[in-house]
């Protein structure tokens, strides 16, 4: 069976964000904040705490 090719649809965006490109970081935030918030909220069950964790996660991810 041939291996399945994996396509990273946001690879270019990730590379730009890693280079401290603010518009790319903003776009990544817009793409992923809901999914990350939902994951955090399932773990901590407090929406305010989940939002803090989500924001802290993005800040940590975008540190250079």
Protein backbone atom coordinates (compact mmCIF):
# COMPACT_ATOMS: atom_id res chain seq x y z
CA UNK A 1 0.00 0.00 0.00
CA UNK A 2 1.50 3.40 -0.95
CA UNK A 3 2.12 5.88 1.83
CA UNK A 4 -0.35 8.71 2.09
CA UNK A 5 1.13 12.10 1.27
CA UNK A 6 0.59 14.64 4.02
CA UNK A 7 -0.24 18.19 2.96
CA UNK A 8 0.42 20.99 5.42
CA UNK A 9 -2.00 23.66 4.25
CA UNK A 10 -0.67 26.35 6.58
CA UNK A 11 3.06 25.59 6.27
CA UNK A 12 3.85 28.94 4.63
CA UNK A 13 1.86 30.77 7.29
CA UNK A 14 3.64 28.90 10.08
CA UNK A 15 7.04 29.75 8.60
CA UNK A 16 6.14 33.45 8.41
CA UNK A 17 4.79 33.43 11.98
CA UNK A 18 8.03 31.83 13.19
CA UNK A 19 9.89 34.78 11.62
CA UNK A 20 7.85 37.19 13.77
CA UNK A 21 5.56 38.29 10.92
CA UNK A 22 2.71 39.92 12.86
CA UNK A 23 0.05 39.62 10.13
CA UNK A 24 0.84 35.90 9.80
CA UNK A 25 0.61 35.48 13.58
CA UNK A 26 -2.72 37.29 13.60
CA UNK A 27 -4.01 35.06 10.83
CA UNK A 28 -2.88 31.93 12.69
CA UNK A 29 -4.68 33.19 15.78
CA UNK A 30 -7.88 33.68 13.76
CA UNK A 31 -7.60 30.18 12.27
CA UNK A 32 -6.90 28.34 15.51
CA UNK A 33 -8.19 30.25 18.55
CA UNK A 34 -11.59 28.52 18.66
CA UNK A 35 -10.12 25.03 18.50
CA UNK A 36 -7.50 25.82 21.15
CA UNK A 37 -10.06 27.51 23.39
CA UNK A 38 -12.39 24.51 23.10
CA UNK A 39 -9.58 22.11 23.98
CA UNK A 40 -8.60 24.22 27.00
CA UNK A 41 -12.21 24.56 28.10
CA UNK A 42 -12.74 20.79 28.04
CA UNK A 43 -9.78 20.41 30.38
CA UNK A 44 -10.38 23.23 32.87
CA UNK A 45 -14.18 23.74 32.43
CA UNK A 46 -13.92 27.43 33.38
CA UNK A 47 -14.22 29.66 30.32
CA UNK A 48 -12.21 32.53 31.83
CA UNK A 49 -9.34 30.24 32.77
CA UNK A 50 -9.53 28.52 29.38
CA UNK A 51 -9.28 31.89 27.64
CA UNK A 52 -6.23 32.84 29.73
CA UNK A 53 -4.55 29.54 28.90
CA UNK A 54 -5.35 29.99 25.21
CA UNK A 55 -3.88 33.51 25.12
CA UNK A 56 -0.80 32.41 27.07
CA UNK A 57 -0.32 29.55 24.62
CA UNK A 58 -0.30 31.89 21.64
CA UNK A 59 2.06 34.28 23.39
CA UNK A 60 4.45 31.42 24.16
CA UNK A 61 4.17 30.05 20.61
CA UNK A 62 4.98 33.42 19.06
CA UNK A 63 7.96 34.22 21.29
CA UNK A 64 11.18 34.54 19.38
